[in-house]
Amino acid sequence: MSHAFRQVDVFASGPLTGNPVAVVHDADDLTDEQMAAFARWTNLSETTFLLAPTDPAADYRVRIWTPGGELPFAGHPTLGTAHAWLEAGGTPRDAAAVVQECGVGLVTVRRDDAGLAFAAPPLRRSGSVAPEDLARIARALRVPVSAIGDAAWVDNGPGWVAALLDDAAAVLALEPDMAAFGDLKIGVVGPYGPGESDAAVEVRAFVPGIGVPEDPVTGSLNAGIGQWLAGDLLPSRYVASQGTAMGRRGRVHVAREAADLLWVGGAAVTTISGTATL
């Protein structure tokens, strides 16, 4: 059966510089097996499927799949799916925002100067990292434990743990040992010095356990890092660079508006549209 299809470049700073997400429209007739097979076939970090909402407060429901399985939430798929839904003629109940239903519940998406932005969902796991886990993170990143200035759980669904390095150069120099990750999903962040970049930090995301050795630009991770560091070690509003090591130029706009409200946004542009036969 054929379905309307879009591939959206999210967090891009120019053509083909962000993270693509595949979006399948009107997917209520698809089985879990069909969704999983199509996600493996696209071989993108995420593929999403638009469905009718089950919550009366939602505008649509989305299921988010990686090549290795389903996620309850992910950031760039949230923005890419909202963009695709709006572009296809979706009309939100509230003109100021779109409400998405997904595995973590309801997520609000609004339009802003950067494009679209989602309200970061609450962290499912936060706080410091146990010494044994810190040692595992260091082994996976191939750095000494002493190179990690701080680390914290920043899990808003996918399972992220984040490590803070001295600077952006240290982040870009990483050559991780993918076989050592196991079930770890590791995000790494390091600051740029004055005048080094238009961004405040460089971010990288490694998730080999779900078939994504390195993700180009990651909304959920940047949300978790923002909830951890924005307004403390980082400004309340800043721009994160991600994808540099992969030849991309992603830009993620992070804004903490209150202790419990953080917005994560960026550009979203459709690069491919047509039909997909599943």
C-alpha atoms as a PDB file:
ATOM      1  CA  MET A   1       0.000   0.000   0.000  1.00  0.00           C
ATOM      2  CA  SER A   2       1.225   3.505  -0.826  1.00  0.00           C
ATOM      3  CA  HIS A   3       1.563   6.277   1.752  1.00  0.00           C
ATOM      4  CA  ALA A   4       2.498   9.920   1.412  1.00  0.00           C
ATOM      5  CA  PHE A   5       6.137  10.304   2.401  1.00  0.00           C
ATOM      6  CA  ARG A   6       8.501  13.124   3.290  1.00  0.00           C
ATOM      7  CA  GLN A   7      12.150  13.180   4.246  1.00  0.00           C
ATOM      8  CA  VAL A   8      12.886  16.253   6.333  1.00  0.00           C
ATOM      9  CA  ASP A   9      16.292  17.744   7.134  1.00  0.00           C
ATOM     10  CA  VAL A  10      16.187  18.915  10.752  1.00  0.00           C
ATOM     11  CA  PHE A  11      18.496  21.304  12.624  1.00  0.00           C
ATOM     12  CA  ALA A  12      20.101  22.217   9.298  1.00  0.00           C
ATOM     13  CA  SER A  13      22.111  25.405   8.824  1.00  0.00           C
ATOM     14  CA  GLY A  14      21.948  25.066   5.022  1.00  0.00           C
ATOM     15  CA  PRO A  15      21.051  22.473   2.390  1.00  0.00           C
ATOM     16  CA  LEU A  16      21.754  18.886   3.519  1.00  0.00           C
ATOM     17  CA  THR A  17      23.585  19.919   6.693  1.00  0.00           C
ATOM     18  CA  GLY A  18      21.227  18.605   9.391  1.00  0.00           C
ATOM     19  CA  ASN A  19      19.776  15.230  10.359  1.00  0.00           C
ATOM     20  CA  PRO A  20      17.205  13.640   8.031  1.00  0.00           C
ATOM     21  CA  VAL A  21      14.088  11.929   9.324  1.00  0.00           C
ATOM     22  CA  ALA A  22      11.744   9.840   7.189  1.00  0.00           C
ATOM     23  CA  VAL A  23       8.049  10.573   7.807  1.00  0.00           C
ATOM     24  CA  VAL A  24       5.262   8.231   6.664  1.00  0.00           C
ATOM     25  CA  HIS A  25       1.797   9.832   6.679  1.00  0.00           C
ATOM     26  CA  ASP A  26      -1.549   8.187   7.525  1.00  0.00           C
ATOM     27  CA  ALA A  27       0.152   5.077   8.874  1.00  0.00           C
ATOM     28  CA  ASP A  28      -2.678   3.720  11.044  1.00  0.00           C
ATOM     29  CA  ASP A  29      -2.974   0.625   8.830  1.00  0.00           C
ATOM     30  CA  LEU A  30       0.660  -0.433   9.282  1.00  0.00           C
ATOM     31  CA  THR A  31       1.752  -3.179  11.662  1.00  0.00           C
ATOM     32  CA  ASP A  32       4.686  -2.989  14.030  1.00  0.00           C
ATOM     33  CA  GLU A  33       6.543  -5.371  11.741  1.00  0.00           C
ATOM     34  CA  GLN A  34       6.007  -3.132   8.706  1.00  0.00           C
ATOM     35  CA  MET A  35       7.152  -0.056  10.617  1.00  0.00           C
ATOM     36  CA  ALA A  36      10.264  -1.809  11.897  1.00  0.00           C
ATOM     37  CA  ALA A  37      11.103  -3.173   8.442  1.00  0.00           C
ATOM     38  CA  PHE A  38      10.747   0.236   6.802  1.00  0.00           C
ATOM     39  CA  ALA A  39      12.896   1.870   9.493  1.00  0.00           C
ATOM     40  CA  ARG A  40      15.607  -0.714   8.858  1.00  0.00           C
ATOM     41  CA  TRP A  41      15.300  -0.118   5.121  1.00  0.00           C
ATOM     42  CA  THR A  42      15.619   3.673   5.297  1.00  0.00           C
ATOM     43  CA  ASN A  43      18.692   3.139   7.533  1.00  0.00           C
ATOM     44  CA  LEU A  44      18.250   6.637   8.978  1.00  0.00           C
ATOM     45  CA  SER A  45      18.706   7.268  12.676  1.00  0.00           C
ATOM     46  CA  GLU A  46      14.909   7.594  12.924  1.00  0.00           C
ATOM     47  CA  THR A  47      11.819   6.981  10.822  1.00  0.00           C
ATOM     48  CA  THR A  48       8.420   8.192  12.044  1.00  0.00           C
ATOM     49  CA  PHE A  49       4.853   7.163  11.363  1.00  0.00           C
ATOM     50  CA  LEU A  50       1.973   9.649  11.642  1.00  0.00           C
ATOM     51  CA  LEU A  51      -1.207   8.259  13.216  1.00  0.00           C
ATOM     52  CA  ALA A  52      -4.554   9.518  14.450  1.00  0.00           C
ATOM     53  CA  PRO A  53      -4.264  10.699  18.065  1.00  0.00           C
ATOM     54  CA  THR A  54      -5.761   8.730  20.947  1.00  0.00           C
ATOM     55  CA  ASP A  55      -5.512  11.669  23.378  1.00  0.00           C
ATOM     56  CA  PRO A  56      -8.142  14.357  22.697  1.00  0.00           C
ATOM     57  CA  ALA A  57      -5.598  17.071  23.514  1.00  0.00           C
ATOM     58  CA  ALA A  58      -3.222  15.946  20.749  1.00  0.00           C
ATOM     59  CA  ASP A  59      -3.173  17.029  17.105  1.00  0.00           C
ATOM     60  CA  TYR A  60      -1.572  13.774  15.941  1.00  0.00           C
ATOM     61  CA  ARG A  61       0.215  10.706  17.281  1.00  0.00           C
ATOM     62  CA  VAL A  62       3.665   9.605  16.174  1.00  0.00           C
ATOM     63  CA  ARG A  63       5.636   6.408  16.540  1.00  0.00           C
ATOM     64  CA  ILE A  64       9.399   6.747  16.281  1.00  0.00           C
ATOM     65  CA  TRP A  65      11.601   3.888  15.085  1.00  0.00           C
ATOM     66  CA  THR A  66      15.354   3.451  14.745  1.00  0.00           C
ATOM     67  CA  PRO A  67      16.914   0.621  12.711  1.00  0.00           C
ATOM     68  CA  GLY A  68      17.132  -1.260  16.006  1.00  0.00           C
ATOM     69  CA  GLY A  69      13.709  -0.638  17.548  1.00  0.00           C
ATOM     70  CA  GLU A  70      11.139   1.878  18.760  1.00  0.00           C
ATOM     71  CA  LEU A  71      11.786   4.953  20.917  1.00  0.00           C
ATOM     72  CA  PRO A  72       9.275   6.680  23.219  1.00  0.00           C
ATOM     73  CA  PHE A  73      10.664  10.110  22.288  1.00  0.00           C
ATOM     74  CA  ALA A  74      13.307  11.695  20.078  1.00  0.00           C
ATOM     75  CA  GLY A  75      13.961  15.326  19.265  1.00  0.00           C
ATOM     76  CA  HIS A  76      14.749  15.721  15.594  1.00  0.00           C
ATOM     77  CA  PRO A  77      11.924  13.302  14.659  1.00  0.00           C
ATOM     78  CA  THR A  78       9.544  15.426  16.747  1.00  0.00           C
ATOM     79  CA  LEU A  79      10.411  18.589  14.821  1.00  0.00           C
ATOM     80  CA  GLY A  80      10.598  16.827  11.445  1.00  0.00           C
ATOM     81  CA  THR A  81       7.236  15.122  11.960  1.00  0.00           C
ATOM     82  CA  ALA A  82       5.569  18.362  13.065  1.00  0.00           C
ATOM     83  CA  HIS A  83       6.992  20.089   9.980  1.00  0.00           C
ATOM     84  CA  ALA A  84       5.737  17.308   7.690  1.00  0.00           C
ATOM     85  CA  TRP A  85       2.278  17.289   9.312  1.00  0.00           C
ATOM     86  CA  LEU A  86       1.925  21.055   8.950  1.00  0.00           C
ATOM     87  CA  GLU A  87       3.226  21.026   5.373  1.00  0.00           C
ATOM     88  CA  ALA A  88       0.679  18.332   4.476  1.00  0.00           C
ATOM     89  CA  GLY A  89      -2.136  20.619   5.624  1.00  0.00           C
ATOM     90  CA  GLY A  90      -2.440  19.702   9.290  1.00  0.00           C
ATOM     91  CA  THR A  91      -4.281  22.332  11.323  1.00  0.00           C
ATOM     92  CA  PRO A  92      -3.478  22.430  15.031  1.00  0.00           C
ATOM     93  CA  ARG A  93      -6.236  22.991  17.566  1.00  0.00           C
ATOM     94  CA  ASP A  94      -4.180  25.875  18.969  1.00  0.00           C
ATOM     95  CA  ALA A  95      -2.835  28.237  16.315  1.00  0.00           C
ATOM     96  CA  ALA A  96       0.213  28.974  18.478  1.00  0.00           C
ATOM     97  CA  ALA A  97       1.428  25.393  18.908  1.00  0.00           C
ATOM     98  CA  VAL A  98       1.204  21.785  17.756  1.00  0.00           C
ATOM     99  CA  VAL A  99       0.607  19.063  20.352  1.00  0.00           C
ATOM    100  CA  GLN A 100       2.233  15.723  19.568  1.00  0.00           C
ATOM    101  CA  GLU A 101       1.288  12.453  21.228  1.00  0.00           C
ATOM    102  CA  CYS A 102       4.137   9.938  21.546  1.00  0.00           C
ATOM    103  CA  GLY A 103       5.512   7.346  23.933  1.00  0.00           C
ATOM    104  CA  VAL A 104       6.392   9.863  26.673  1.00  0.00           C
ATOM    105  CA  GLY A 105       2.983  11.539  26.470  1.00  0.00           C
ATOM    106  CA  LEU A 106       2.170  14.965  25.027  1.00  0.00           C
ATOM    107  CA  VAL A 107       4.925  17.196  23.621  1.00  0.00           C
ATOM    108  CA  THR A 108       4.278  20.816  22.607  1.00  0.00           C
ATOM    109  CA  VAL A 109       5.911  22.167  19.432  1.00  0.00           C
ATOM    110  CA  ARG A 110       5.861  25.884  18.669  1.00  0.00           C
ATOM    111  CA  ARG A 111       7.083  28.094  15.859  1.00  0.00           C
ATOM    112  CA  ASP A 112       9.947  30.424  16.752  1.00  0.00           C
ATOM    113  CA  ASP A 113      12.658  32.472  15.038  1.00  0.00           C
ATOM    114  CA  ALA A 114      14.807  29.367  14.472  1.00  0.00           C
ATOM    115  CA  GLY A 115      11.948  27.395  12.870  1.00  0.00           C
ATOM    116  CA  LEU A 116      10.214  24.923  15.188  1.00  0.00           C
ATOM    117  CA  ALA A 117      10.965  24.154  18.829  1.00  0.00           C
ATOM    118  CA  PHE A 118       9.737  21.468  21.212  1.00  0.00           C
ATOM    119  CA  ALA A 119       9.255  21.743  24.952  1.00  0.00           C
ATOM    120  CA  ALA A 120      11.689  19.273  26.500  1.00  0.00           C
ATOM    121  CA  PRO A 121       9.862  16.472  28.300  1.00  0.00           C
ATOM    122  CA  PRO A 122      10.781  15.797  31.943  1.00  0.00           C
ATOM    123  CA  LEU A 123      13.877  13.703  32.526  1.00  0.00           C
ATOM    124  CA  ARG A 124      13.116  10.101  33.366  1.00  0.00           C
ATOM    125  CA  ARG A 125      16.545   9.707  34.927  1.00  0.00           C
ATOM    126  CA  SER A 126      18.881  12.446  36.088  1.00  0.00           C
ATOM    127  CA  GLY A 127      21.694  12.956  38.539  1.00  0.00           C
ATOM    128  CA  SER A 128      25.273  11.861  38.942  1.00  0.00           C
ATOM    129  CA  VAL A 129      26.885   8.829  37.340  1.00  0.00           C
ATOM    130  CA  ALA A 130      28.191   5.961  39.459  1.00  0.00           C
ATOM    131  CA  PRO A 131      31.968   5.368  39.321  1.00  0.00           C
ATOM    132  CA  GLU A 132      31.576   2.045  37.531  1.00  0.00           C
ATOM    133  CA  ASP A 133      29.403   3.655  34.851  1.00  0.00           C
ATOM    134  CA  LEU A 134      31.853   6.533  34.499  1.00  0.00           C
ATOM    135  CA  ALA A 135      34.621   4.001  33.909  1.00  0.00           C
ATOM    136  CA  ARG A 136      32.484   2.325  31.205  1.00  0.00           C
ATOM    137  CA  ILE A 137      31.861   5.686  29.544  1.00  0.00           C
ATOM    138  CA  ALA A 138      35.569   6.496  29.544  1.00  0.00           C
ATOM    139  CA  ARG A 139      36.413   3.094  28.017  1.00  0.00           C
ATOM    140  CA  ALA A 140      33.799   3.540  25.293  1.00  0.00           C
ATOM    141  CA  LEU A 141      35.066   7.041  24.465  1.00  0.00           C
ATOM    142  CA  ARG A 142      38.721   5.909  24.665  1.00  0.00           C
ATOM    143  CA  VAL A 143      39.644   8.662  27.119  1.00  0.00           C
ATOM    144  CA  PRO A 144      40.914   8.561  30.705  1.00  0.00           C
ATOM    145  CA  VAL A 145      38.312   9.120  33.408  1.00  0.00           C
ATOM    146  CA  SER A 146      40.193  12.289  34.328  1.00  0.00           C
ATOM    147  CA  ALA A 147      39.331  13.761  30.885  1.00  0.00           C
ATOM    148  CA  ILE A 148      35.636  13.790  31.831  1.00  0.00           C
ATOM    149  CA  GLY A 149      35.019  16.992  33.775  1.00  0.00           C
ATOM    150  CA  ASP A 150      31.517  15.952  34.788  1.00  0.00           C
ATOM    151  CA  ALA A 151      28.856  13.443  33.794  1.00  0.00           C
ATOM    152  CA  ALA A 152      25.128  13.055  34.400  1.00  0.00           C
ATOM    153  CA  TRP A 153      22.140  11.000  33.376  1.00  0.00           C
ATOM    154  CA  VAL A 154      19.987  13.109  31.048  1.00  0.00           C
ATOM    155  CA  ASP A 155      17.459  10.489  29.989  1.00  0.00           C
ATOM    156  CA  ASN A 156      14.213  11.872  28.528  1.00  0.00           C
ATOM    157  CA  GLY A 157      13.249   8.612  26.818  1.00  0.00           C
ATOM    158  CA  PRO A 158      16.119   7.262  24.708  1.00  0.00           C
ATOM    159  CA  GLY A 159      18.384   6.611  27.736  1.00  0.00           C
ATOM    160  CA  TRP A 160      21.056   9.311  27.449  1.00  0.00           C
ATOM    161  CA  VAL A 161      24.037   9.766  29.708  1.00  0.00           C
ATOM    162  CA  ALA A 162      26.147  12.874  29.018  1.00  0.00           C
ATOM    163  CA  ALA A 163      29.831  13.588  29.535  1.00  0.00           C
ATOM    164  CA  LEU A 164      31.370  17.059  29.710  1.00  0.00           C
ATOM    165  CA  LEU A 165      34.881  17.430  28.248  1.00  0.00           C
ATOM    166  CA  ASP A 166      37.269  20.370  28.560  1.00  0.00           C
ATOM    167  CA  ASP A 167      36.538  21.913  25.176  1.00  0.00           C
ATOM    168  CA  ALA A 168      35.023  21.423  21.727  1.00  0.00           C
ATOM    169  CA  ALA A 169      38.368  20.282  20.296  1.00  0.00           C
ATOM    170  CA  ALA A 170      38.402  17.342  22.720  1.00  0.00           C
ATOM    171  CA  VAL A 171      34.871  16.407  21.621  1.00  0.00           C
ATOM    172  CA  LEU A 172      35.807  16.520  17.931  1.00  0.00           C
ATOM    173  CA  ALA A 173      38.964  14.446  18.531  1.00  0.00           C
ATOM    174  CA  LEU A 174      37.048  11.467  19.980  1.00  0.00           C
ATOM    175  CA  GLU A 175      37.439   8.096  18.255  1.00  0.00           C
ATOM    176  CA  PRO A 176      35.134   5.877  20.324  1.00  0.00           C
ATOM    177  CA  ASP A 177      35.340   2.115  20.693  1.00  0.00           C
ATOM    178  CA  MET A 178      31.881   1.180  19.429  1.00  0.00           C
ATOM    179  CA  ALA A 179      32.214  -2.411  20.643  1.00  0.00           C
ATOM    180  CA  ALA A 180      32.645  -1.172  24.232  1.00  0.00           C
ATOM    181  CA  PHE A 181      29.330   0.698  24.464  1.00  0.00           C
ATOM    182  CA  GLY A 182      27.044  -2.186  25.262  1.00  0.00           C
ATOM    183  CA  ASP A 183      23.698  -0.603  26.127  1.00  0.00           C
ATOM    184  CA  LEU A 184      25.154   2.856  26.805  1.00  0.00           C
ATOM    185  CA  LYS A 185      23.816   5.824  24.837  1.00  0.00           C
ATOM    186  CA  ILE A 186      26.452   8.491  25.318  1.00  0.00           C
ATOM    187  CA  GLY A 187      26.300  12.191  24.534  1.00  0.00           C
ATOM    188  CA  VAL A 188      29.421  14.338  24.778  1.00  0.00           C
ATOM    189  CA  VAL A 189      29.601  18.124  25.057  1.00  0.00           C
ATOM    190  CA  GLY A 190      32.478  20.601  25.167  1.00  0.00           C
ATOM    191  CA  PRO A 191      32.550  24.433  25.053  1.00  0.00           C
ATOM    192  CA  TYR A 192      33.984  26.618  22.325  1.00  0.00           C
ATOM    193  CA  GLY A 193      36.260  29.473  23.321  1.00  0.00           C
ATOM    194  CA  PRO A 194      35.507  33.115  22.468  1.00  0.00           C
ATOM    195  CA  GLY A 195      35.525  33.683  18.724  1.00  0.00           C
ATOM    196  CA  GLU A 196      36.004  30.005  17.835  1.00  0.00           C
ATOM    197  CA  SER A 197      32.464  29.364  16.561  1.00  0.00           C
ATOM    198  CA  ASP A 198      28.991  30.814  16.205  1.00  0.00           C
ATOM    199  CA  ALA A 199      27.983  28.059  18.640  1.00  0.00           C
ATOM    200  CA  ALA A 200      28.595  27.837  22.379  1.00  0.00           C
ATOM    201  CA  VAL A 201      29.331  24.099  22.439  1.00  0.00           C
ATOM    202  CA  GLU A 202      30.074  21.097  20.236  1.00  0.00           C
ATOM    203  CA  VAL A 203      27.954  17.995  20.843  1.00  0.00           C
ATOM    204  CA  ARG A 204      28.320  14.402  19.659  1.00  0.00           C
ATOM    205  CA  ALA A 205      25.935  11.461  20.184  1.00  0.00           C
ATOM    206  CA  PHE A 206      26.883   7.782  20.066  1.00  0.00           C
ATOM    207  CA  VAL A 207      24.223   5.026  20.106  1.00  0.00           C
ATOM    208  CA  PRO A 208      25.669   1.903  18.426  1.00  0.00           C
ATOM    209  CA  GLY A 209      23.376  -0.387  20.431  1.00  0.00           C
ATOM    210  CA  ILE A 210      20.345   0.701  18.374  1.00  0.00           C
ATOM    211  CA  GLY A 211      22.129   0.661  15.029  1.00  0.00           C
ATOM    212  CA  VAL A 212      23.249   4.319  15.020  1.00  0.00           C
ATOM    213  CA  PRO A 213      27.008   4.521  15.703  1.00  0.00           C
ATOM    214  CA  GLU A 214      26.904   8.333  15.619  1.00  0.00           C
ATOM    215  CA  ASP A 215      23.816  10.499  15.215  1.00  0.00           C
ATOM    216  CA  PRO A 216      24.334  13.662  13.132  1.00  0.00           C
ATOM    217  CA  VAL A 217      22.182  16.086  15.180  1.00  0.00           C
ATOM    218  CA  THR A 218      20.181  15.023  18.219  1.00  0.00           C
ATOM    219  CA  GLY A 219      17.284  16.949  19.719  1.00  0.00           C
ATOM    220  CA  SER A 220      16.637  14.683  22.701  1.00  0.00           C
ATOM    221  CA  LEU A 221      20.296  14.724  23.758  1.00  0.00           C
ATOM    222  CA  ASN A 222      20.534  18.491  23.408  1.00  0.00           C
ATOM    223  CA  ALA A 223      17.358  18.775  25.477  1.00  0.00           C
ATOM    224  CA  GLY A 224      18.896  16.665  28.229  1.00  0.00           C
ATOM    225  CA  ILE A 225      22.164  18.600  28.144  1.00  0.00           C
ATOM    226  CA  GLY A 226      20.203  21.854  28.313  1.00  0.00           C
ATOM    227  CA  GLN A 227      18.220  20.619  31.309  1.00  0.00           C
ATOM    228  CA  TRP A 228      21.525  19.718  32.950  1.00  0.00           C
ATOM    229  CA  LEU A 229      23.694  22.737  32.094  1.00  0.00           C
ATOM    230  CA  ALA A 230      21.633  25.684  30.749  1.00  0.00           C
ATOM    231  CA  GLY A 231      21.619  28.576  33.183  1.00  0.00           C
ATOM    232  CA  ASP A 232      24.518  27.030  35.106  1.00  0.00           C
ATOM    233  CA  LEU A 233      27.686  26.109  33.198  1.00  0.00           C
ATOM    234  CA  LEU A 234      26.042  27.300  29.971  1.00  0.00           C
ATOM    235  CA  PRO A 235      23.934  30.412  29.294  1.00  0.00           C
ATOM    236  CA  SER A 236      20.166  30.170  29.597  1.00  0.00           C
ATOM    237  CA  ARG A 237      20.052  30.628  25.806  1.00  0.00           C
ATOM    238  CA  TYR A 238      22.713  29.198  23.534  1.00  0.00           C
ATOM    239  CA  VAL A 239      23.334  27.457  20.220  1.00  0.00           C
ATOM    240  CA  ALA A 240      24.872  23.981  20.046  1.00  0.00           C
ATOM    241  CA  SER A 241      26.841  22.718  17.057  1.00  0.00           C
ATOM    242  CA  GLN A 242      26.573  19.044  16.161  1.00  0.00           C
ATOM    243  CA  GLY A 243      27.524  16.904  13.181  1.00  0.00           C
ATOM    244  CA  THR A 244      30.875  18.565  12.462  1.00  0.00           C
ATOM    245  CA  ALA A 245      32.736  15.247  12.739  1.00  0.00           C
ATOM    246  CA  MET A 246      30.339  13.745  10.157  1.00  0.00           C
ATOM    247  CA  GLY A 247      30.564  16.570   7.625  1.00  0.00           C
ATOM    248  CA  ARG A 248      27.293  18.163   8.751  1.00  0.00           C
ATOM    249  CA  ARG A 249      26.658  21.611  10.205  1.00  0.00           C
ATOM    250  CA  GLY A 250      23.763  21.175  12.574  1.00  0.00           C
ATOM    251  CA  ARG A 251      22.653  24.026  14.800  1.00  0.00           C
ATOM    252  CA  VAL A 252      20.389  23.451  17.803  1.00  0.00           C
ATOM    253  CA  HIS A 253      18.859  26.433  19.612  1.00  0.00           C
ATOM    254  CA  VAL A 254      18.357  25.865  23.337  1.00  0.00           C
ATOM    255  CA  ALA A 255      16.415  28.258  25.584  1.00  0.00           C
ATOM    256  CA  ARG A 256      15.572  27.787  29.248  1.00  0.00           C
ATOM    257  CA  GLU A 257      12.525  29.924  30.061  1.00  0.00           C
ATOM    258  CA  ALA A 258      11.894  28.533  33.545  1.00  0.00           C
ATOM    259  CA  ALA A 259      13.272  25.894  35.868  1.00  0.00           C
ATOM    260  CA  ASP A 260      10.907  23.338  34.363  1.00  0.00           C
ATOM    261  CA  LEU A 261      10.589  24.714  30.811  1.00  0.00           C
ATOM    262  CA  LEU A 262      13.293  24.344  28.184  1.00  0.00           C
ATOM    263  CA  TRP A 263      12.772  24.768  24.441  1.00  0.00           C
ATOM    264  CA  VAL A 264      14.884  23.022  21.803  1.00  0.00           C
ATOM    265  CA  GLY A 265      14.559  24.237  18.236  1.00  0.00           C
ATOM    266  CA  GLY A 266      15.997  24.594  14.787  1.00  0.00           C
ATOM    267  CA  ALA A 267      15.261  24.633  11.090  1.00  0.00           C
ATOM    268  CA  ALA A 268      13.287  21.898   9.316  1.00  0.00           C
ATOM    269  CA  VAL A 269      13.215  21.621   5.519  1.00  0.00           C
ATOM    270  CA  THR A 270      11.632  18.946   3.325  1.00  0.00           C
ATOM    271  CA  THR A 271      14.229  17.515   0.947  1.00  0.00           C
ATOM    272  CA  ILE A 272      12.250  14.575  -0.508  1.00  0.00           C
ATOM    273  CA  SER A 273       8.501  14.161  -0.940  1.00  0.00           C
ATOM    274  CA  GLY A 274       6.395  11.576  -2.723  1.00  0.00           C
ATOM    275  CA  THR A 275       4.967   8.161  -1.849  1.00  0.00           C
ATOM    276  CA  ALA A 276       6.362   5.121  -0.106  1.00  0.00           C
ATOM    277  CA  THR A 277       5.113   1.616  -0.861  1.00  0.00           C
ATOM    278  CA  LEU A 278       5.320  -0.622   2.194  1.00  0.00           C
END
